[in-house]
Each structure stands twice: as C-alpha cells, then as structure tokens.
Amino acid sequence: MSDIVSARLTTSSPLTSLRSLLFAPGGDERKLLRAAASGADAIIADLEDSVAAAGKADAREITRRVLAEPSSRGARLVRVNGADTSHHADDVALVADLRPDAVVVPKATPDAVDALAETGLPVLAIVETAVGVRLAFETASRPHVFALLIGAVDLGAELGLEPRPDGLEIQYVRSKLVVDSAAAGIRSPFDVVHVKIDDPDGLAEQARLARALGLRGKACIHPSQVAIVNAVFTPPAAEVEWARRVLDAAAAAADGGRGAVGLDGAMVDAAVVLRAQRIIGESERGEPS
C-alpha cells in the first residue's frame, strides 16, 4: 500500500491535478472513444449505472479493449459495481488485470472502498448516500483513496433535496467534503455533474461556485462540458500574476530576515504564501499521463 500512500500525498501524481472527469458508458465503444478524444483530464468507463444487468459482461470486454489502447493524454478510470452486487467480483478481476489509473467506487463508505484495496489501485470514492456523507472523513482517510466525488443525484433522492439554481441544497455536502478531504490529507474533492447538457452558462456558474467553496474539479457527462470545466478550474492569468508577485515578495522578505511583508496595501504572511503556492501549482499542472 505504500506506493498508493505516496501517490496521494505528492503533488507530482497526475491524479492530484485532475480537473475534469468525463463519464462514458462502459458498454458503448463509440462513446468511450469520443470521451478519450474530448480533452478531459480523465475518462471514467462506467460499468455501473449506465449498463443494464444483461450487458455487464459485454461492457467489461468493451472497456478492456478501449482502455488497453495507448492514449496520448488523459487518465483512465473504471467505475465498478458495488460490493453488494453480483457483478462486483468480475469488475474487480477486470481492473486488477487491466490496471487503469484508478478505480471509482459508487456509494462509497470505508467498507466499500476497502473492498477494492486488494487491487492496489488508487480509489476515487463517490459520496452519494447519507451514510457516505457522515463517514466521508473516514473514507478519505483510507490509504488507497486519492479523492472524493459528490454524487448529488442519488444523494438528493435519498434526502429529498430539490435542485436550486444557486446550489444551496448541497452546499453543506460540498463544504463538508472539502473539510474532510483536507483533514485526511488528500486532494480537494470533485463537484457534482451538471445534468443539463445544453446549459453552458449554468455549468460555468456551478463550477465557479464549487471552486469558491474549495473543490478543485468536476464530473462531466458530455464532451461539450469538458472545456468549460477545465477553464473554470484553471486559475486566470491575473490570479497567477498576483501569486508570482506574492512569492517574490515573500522571498525578498525572507532574505531580509522578515516574516511578513506588505504588497498592494495588504499583508503577505504564511497563509497568503500558501494560497499563492497553490495557485501556481494549479496553473502549472501538466497534462495527465
């Protein structure tokens, strides 16, 4: 498990810099190939919700064939069926053999993600139940979990939530997962999918809200959503320039034996430097391999 622990704690891991996660049905080769060419930081071949029970075996073979092909960009993940289903064992056998970049666990709890630990693969845990929300810190603390993803559709159905344009109905969940991820020492979580495909303005607004709340990526369900998500979760040029000036000012202060320094009428202390370092890191993210 030591390799996984190292990957989740170092910013050099491609998984720490993912912004856009594009789901595609594992049983649809055309859509999987289209997803791979979409520019998404990662594609998720879905063996769960998007595949009927009768098509699970075929979906595994299609996923194996498509994901085994070399790709010039983009991480490749597989969402398996839950451990409480009859399809789980075959899914685990597939990912153990295929070795994707990570495996995606639905309805995540500590026990659910532990069921994938034997694969030795990093886990993306979808928090989409009330129990999952309550246990999000415990799930995030598992050494094989590299990130959490909010599954708002199933969670909303369980809790009786009603979607609002301002997203207020899931703000608690967003903030809780941001805090739980930070406390567990893993990367910031991924935001919910925007279910309206033909609503670019709504998607951008939802992504901006998520970023303001501390999330650093978003799930997508259509290739047209990818560019918008990538743009929102990439710091703008003015923000990057501010961060570079902060780091230069902090370095000059350190050389002069000072712990804090003024910049543009505001104090630059350790917390401001940390924010600037995070912005620079996000702006310099490389293309996932």
Protein backbone atom coordinates (compact mmCIF):
# COMPACT_ATOMS: atom_id res chain seq x y z
CA MET A 1 0.00 0.00 0.00
CA SER A 2 3.00 2.31 0.37
CA ASP A 3 3.03 3.32 -3.33
CA ILE A 4 -0.59 4.46 -3.10
CA VAL A 5 0.03 6.46 0.06
CA SER A 6 2.96 8.20 -1.65
CA ALA A 7 0.88 8.99 -4.76
CA ARG A 8 -1.93 10.63 -2.78
CA LEU A 9 0.42 12.84 -0.79
CA THR A 10 2.66 14.16 -3.57
CA THR A 11 1.61 16.89 -5.98
CA SER A 12 3.60 15.19 -8.73
CA SER A 13 0.97 12.46 -9.09
CA PRO A 14 -1.23 13.08 -12.16
CA LEU A 15 -4.28 12.24 -10.07
CA THR A 16 -3.78 15.30 -7.87
CA SER A 17 -4.13 17.69 -10.81
CA LEU A 18 -7.27 16.34 -12.48
CA ARG A 19 -9.96 18.93 -13.17
CA SER A 20 -12.49 17.26 -15.47
CA LEU A 21 -13.79 13.70 -15.11
CA LEU A 22 -15.89 12.56 -18.07
CA PHE A 23 -18.19 9.59 -17.54
CA ALA A 24 -18.92 7.35 -20.53
CA PRO A 25 -20.89 4.08 -20.71
CA GLY A 26 -18.53 1.12 -20.47
CA GLY A 27 -20.68 -0.77 -22.94
CA ASP A 28 -20.59 1.86 -25.70
CA GLU A 29 -17.29 1.78 -27.61
CA ARG A 30 -18.13 4.85 -29.70
CA LYS A 31 -18.82 6.99 -26.64
CA LEU A 32 -15.73 5.72 -24.83
CA LEU A 33 -13.55 6.64 -27.80
CA ARG A 34 -15.23 10.01 -28.10
CA ALA A 35 -14.61 10.62 -24.40
CA ALA A 36 -10.95 9.73 -24.81
CA ALA A 37 -10.65 12.39 -27.52
CA SER A 38 -12.62 15.05 -25.62
CA GLY A 39 -9.73 16.75 -23.84
CA ALA A 40 -10.96 15.60 -20.44
CA ASP A 41 -8.26 15.18 -17.81
CA ALA A 42 -9.74 11.74 -17.13
CA ILE A 43 -12.38 9.48 -18.59
CA ILE A 44 -14.40 7.11 -16.45
CA ALA A 45 -15.61 3.95 -18.13
CA ASP A 46 -18.84 3.30 -16.26
CA LEU A 47 -19.79 -0.31 -15.58
CA GLU A 48 -22.48 0.62 -13.08
CA ASP A 49 -25.47 2.92 -13.70
CA SER A 50 -25.13 3.25 -17.47
CA VAL A 51 -25.06 -0.50 -18.16
CA ALA A 52 -28.07 -2.80 -17.85
CA ALA A 53 -27.61 -6.05 -15.95
CA ALA A 54 -27.75 -8.11 -19.13
CA GLY A 55 -24.97 -6.07 -20.70
CA LYS A 56 -22.42 -6.11 -17.86
CA ALA A 57 -20.19 -8.84 -19.33
CA ASP A 58 -20.09 -7.18 -22.77
CA ALA A 59 -19.35 -3.82 -21.14
CA ARG A 60 -16.36 -5.27 -19.33
CA GLU A 61 -14.91 -6.57 -22.60
CA ILE A 62 -15.51 -3.29 -24.42
CA THR A 63 -13.93 -1.36 -21.55
CA ARG A 64 -10.95 -3.71 -21.56
CA ARG A 65 -10.44 -3.25 -25.30
CA VAL A 66 -10.76 0.55 -25.34
CA LEU A 67 -8.78 1.32 -22.20
CA ALA A 68 -5.99 -1.07 -23.17
CA GLU A 69 -5.20 1.11 -26.19
CA PRO A 70 -2.40 3.65 -25.57
CA SER A 71 -3.53 7.23 -25.17
CA SER A 72 -1.55 10.44 -25.60
CA ARG A 73 -3.44 12.19 -22.80
CA GLY A 74 -5.94 11.69 -20.07
CA ALA A 75 -6.11 9.37 -17.10
CA ARG A 76 -8.31 6.29 -17.47
CA LEU A 77 -10.59 5.19 -14.66
CA VAL A 78 -13.22 2.48 -14.29
CA ARG A 79 -16.37 2.73 -12.15
CA VAL A 80 -17.19 -0.71 -10.81
CA ASN A 81 -20.43 -2.06 -9.45
CA GLY A 82 -20.87 -2.05 -5.69
CA ALA A 83 -19.55 -4.79 -3.44
CA ASP A 84 -23.13 -5.78 -2.61
CA THR A 85 -23.89 -6.75 -6.23
CA SER A 86 -23.29 -9.95 -8.17
CA HIS A 87 -21.19 -8.01 -10.71
CA HIS A 88 -18.56 -6.76 -8.27
CA ALA A 89 -16.20 -9.73 -8.34
CA ASP A 90 -15.95 -9.74 -12.14
CA ASP A 91 -15.40 -5.98 -12.16
CA VAL A 92 -12.60 -6.31 -9.61
CA ALA A 93 -10.98 -9.03 -11.70
CA LEU A 94 -11.12 -6.72 -14.72
CA VAL A 95 -9.47 -3.73 -13.05
CA ALA A 96 -6.87 -5.93 -11.36
CA ASP A 97 -5.87 -7.21 -14.80
CA LEU A 98 -6.36 -4.01 -16.82
CA ARG A 99 -4.60 -1.73 -14.29
CA PRO A 100 -6.33 1.58 -15.07
CA ASP A 101 -5.02 4.74 -13.42
CA ALA A 102 -7.64 4.43 -10.70
CA VAL A 103 -10.89 2.69 -9.83
CA VAL A 104 -14.13 4.51 -9.00
CA VAL A 105 -16.30 3.20 -6.16
CA PRO A 106 -20.02 4.08 -6.04
CA LYS A 107 -21.92 4.73 -2.79
CA ALA A 108 -18.61 4.98 -1.00
CA THR A 109 -18.11 4.11 2.64
CA PRO A 110 -14.93 2.89 4.36
CA ASP A 111 -16.04 -0.72 3.87
CA ALA A 112 -16.92 -0.14 0.20
CA VAL A 113 -13.52 1.30 -0.69
CA ASP A 114 -11.73 -1.35 1.37
CA ALA A 115 -13.28 -3.95 -0.93
CA LEU A 116 -11.03 -2.56 -3.71
CA ALA A 117 -7.85 -2.31 -1.64
CA GLU A 118 -6.66 -5.70 -2.84
CA THR A 119 -6.25 -4.33 -6.39
CA GLY A 120 -3.50 -1.98 -5.24
CA LEU A 121 -5.08 0.81 -7.33
CA PRO A 122 -5.88 4.35 -6.18
CA VAL A 123 -9.59 4.82 -5.46
CA LEU A 124 -11.92 7.69 -6.31
CA ALA A 125 -14.80 7.43 -3.83
CA ILE A 126 -18.24 8.70 -4.85
CA VAL A 127 -20.08 10.04 -1.81
CA GLU A 128 -23.75 9.71 -2.69
CA THR A 129 -25.57 8.42 0.40
CA ALA A 130 -26.39 9.87 3.79
CA VAL A 131 -24.12 7.31 5.45
CA GLY A 132 -21.40 8.18 2.95
CA VAL A 133 -21.61 11.86 3.87
CA ARG A 134 -21.44 11.06 7.59
CA LEU A 135 -18.37 8.83 7.05
CA ALA A 136 -16.62 10.94 4.41
CA PHE A 137 -13.59 11.68 6.59
CA GLU A 138 -13.15 8.01 7.44
CA THR A 139 -13.42 7.11 3.76
CA ALA A 140 -10.96 9.83 2.74
CA SER A 141 -8.52 8.62 5.39
CA ARG A 142 -8.18 5.19 3.80
CA PRO A 143 -4.66 4.98 2.30
CA HIS A 144 -5.93 3.83 -1.12
CA VAL A 145 -8.38 6.76 -1.56
CA PHE A 146 -6.96 9.69 -3.54
CA ALA A 147 -10.12 11.84 -3.80
CA LEU A 148 -13.84 12.14 -3.09
CA LEU A 149 -16.55 12.93 -5.65
CA ILE A 150 -20.01 14.21 -4.75
CA GLY A 151 -22.85 12.15 -6.26
CA ALA A 152 -25.73 14.58 -5.86
CA VAL A 153 -28.42 12.74 -7.85
CA ASP A 154 -28.60 9.63 -5.67
CA LEU A 155 -27.96 11.64 -2.52
CA GLY A 156 -30.67 14.12 -3.43
CA ALA A 157 -33.16 11.31 -4.00
CA GLU A 158 -32.38 9.79 -0.61
CA LEU A 159 -32.58 13.09 1.27
CA GLY A 160 -35.49 14.58 -0.66
CA LEU A 161 -33.44 17.54 -1.88
CA GLU A 162 -34.85 19.85 -4.54
CA PRO A 163 -32.35 21.35 -7.02
CA ARG A 164 -31.91 25.13 -6.78
CA PRO A 165 -30.19 27.44 -9.27
CA ASP A 166 -27.86 28.63 -6.51
CA GLY A 167 -26.93 25.09 -5.40
CA LEU A 168 -27.79 25.87 -1.79
CA GLU A 169 -29.35 22.44 -1.29
CA ILE A 170 -25.93 20.72 -1.45
CA GLN A 171 -23.70 23.46 -0.05
CA TYR A 172 -23.33 21.60 3.25
CA VAL A 173 -22.16 18.46 1.44
CA ARG A 174 -19.72 20.41 -0.71
CA SER A 175 -18.18 22.15 2.29
CA LYS A 176 -18.09 19.02 4.44
CA LEU A 177 -16.22 17.04 1.77
CA VAL A 178 -13.74 19.89 1.29
CA VAL A 179 -13.02 19.92 5.04
CA ASP A 180 -12.92 16.13 5.31
CA SER A 181 -10.53 15.83 2.36
CA ALA A 182 -8.17 18.44 3.76
CA ALA A 183 -8.25 16.85 7.21
CA ALA A 184 -7.46 13.44 5.68
CA GLY A 185 -4.54 14.85 3.70
CA ILE A 186 -5.87 14.16 0.21
CA ARG A 187 -6.57 16.45 -2.75
CA SER A 188 -9.69 18.61 -2.85
CA PRO A 189 -12.87 16.80 -3.96
CA PHE A 190 -14.66 16.77 -7.29
CA ASP A 191 -18.01 18.51 -7.71
CA VAL A 192 -21.30 17.05 -8.91
CA VAL A 193 -22.25 16.56 -12.53
CA HIS A 194 -24.32 19.29 -14.17
CA VAL A 195 -27.20 17.25 -15.56
CA LYS A 196 -28.29 19.86 -18.14
CA ILE A 197 -26.09 19.22 -21.17
CA ASP A 198 -27.27 22.27 -23.17
CA ASP A 199 -26.67 24.79 -20.37
CA PRO A 200 -23.08 26.07 -20.65
CA ASP A 201 -23.76 29.20 -18.60
CA GLY A 202 -25.32 27.20 -15.79
CA LEU A 203 -22.44 24.75 -15.84
CA ALA A 204 -19.86 27.55 -15.63
CA GLU A 205 -21.70 29.22 -12.76
CA GLN A 206 -22.00 25.94 -10.86
CA ALA A 207 -18.30 25.22 -11.40
CA ARG A 208 -17.29 28.70 -10.21
CA LEU A 209 -19.33 28.23 -7.04
CA ALA A 210 -17.70 24.86 -6.43
CA ARG A 211 -14.22 26.34 -6.88
CA ALA A 212 -15.03 29.17 -4.49
CA LEU A 213 -16.06 26.58 -1.90
CA GLY A 214 -12.74 24.77 -2.22
CA LEU A 215 -13.49 22.00 -4.70
CA ARG A 216 -10.91 21.59 -7.46
CA GLY A 217 -12.59 19.58 -10.20
CA LYS A 218 -15.94 18.50 -11.57
CA ALA A 219 -17.55 15.44 -13.11
CA CYS A 220 -18.97 15.69 -16.63
CA ILE A 221 -21.50 13.62 -18.55
CA HIS A 222 -20.92 15.03 -22.05
CA PRO A 223 -17.79 16.05 -24.00
CA SER A 224 -19.21 19.55 -24.50
CA GLN A 225 -18.86 20.18 -20.77
CA VAL A 226 -15.14 19.44 -20.56
CA ALA A 227 -13.67 22.68 -21.89
CA ILE A 228 -15.84 24.77 -19.57
CA VAL A 229 -14.85 22.76 -16.51
CA ASN A 230 -11.16 22.85 -17.41
CA ALA A 231 -11.30 26.62 -17.89
CA VAL A 232 -13.03 27.32 -14.58
CA PHE A 233 -10.65 25.14 -12.59
CA THR A 234 -7.56 26.71 -14.17
CA PRO A 235 -6.50 29.95 -12.42
CA PRO A 236 -6.83 33.04 -14.66
CA ALA A 237 -3.72 34.90 -15.76
CA ALA A 238 -4.31 37.83 -13.38
CA GLU A 239 -4.53 35.47 -10.42
CA VAL A 240 -1.34 33.70 -11.45
CA GLU A 241 0.48 37.02 -11.81
CA TRP A 242 -0.66 38.04 -8.31
CA ALA A 243 0.59 34.73 -6.92
CA ARG A 244 4.01 35.16 -8.52
CA ARG A 245 4.31 38.65 -7.06
CA VAL A 246 3.36 37.30 -3.63
CA LEU A 247 6.04 34.61 -3.81
CA ASP A 248 8.65 37.13 -4.99
CA ALA A 249 7.74 39.49 -2.15
CA ALA A 250 7.84 36.68 0.40
CA ALA A 251 11.23 35.52 -0.85
CA ALA A 252 12.61 39.06 -0.60
CA ALA A 253 11.23 39.37 2.94
CA ALA A 254 12.84 36.08 3.95
CA ASP A 255 16.18 37.23 2.55
CA GLY A 256 15.87 40.34 4.70
CA GLY A 257 15.01 38.37 7.82
CA ARG A 258 11.34 39.41 7.89
CA GLY A 259 8.43 37.04 8.41
CA ALA A 260 5.77 39.18 6.70
CA VAL A 261 5.74 41.92 4.08
CA GLY A 262 3.26 44.33 2.56
CA LEU A 263 2.08 44.03 -1.06
CA ASP A 264 -0.51 46.29 -2.68
CA GLY A 265 -1.56 47.53 0.73
CA ALA A 266 -2.15 44.05 2.17
CA MET A 267 -0.01 41.90 4.42
CA VAL A 268 1.65 38.82 2.97
CA ASP A 269 2.06 36.17 5.65
CA ALA A 270 2.41 32.38 5.62
CA ALA A 271 -1.28 31.78 4.82
CA VAL A 272 -1.16 34.15 1.82
CA VAL A 273 2.01 32.45 0.60
CA LEU A 274 0.32 29.05 0.86
CA ARG A 275 -2.58 30.29 -1.27
CA ALA A 276 -0.15 31.70 -3.83
CA GLN A 277 1.76 28.42 -3.98
CA ARG A 278 -1.50 26.55 -4.57
CA ILE A 279 -2.45 28.89 -7.42
CA ILE A 280 0.94 28.46 -9.08
CA GLY A 281 0.69 24.69 -8.72
CA GLU A 282 -2.75 24.65 -10.33
CA SER A 283 -1.60 26.89 -13.18
CA GLU A 284 1.43 24.74 -13.92
CA ARG A 285 -0.37 21.42 -13.92
CA GLY A 286 0.88 19.19 -16.69
CA GLU A 287 -1.30 17.15 -18.96
CA PRO A 288 -2.17 13.89 -17.15
CA SER A 289 -0.22 10.94 -18.44
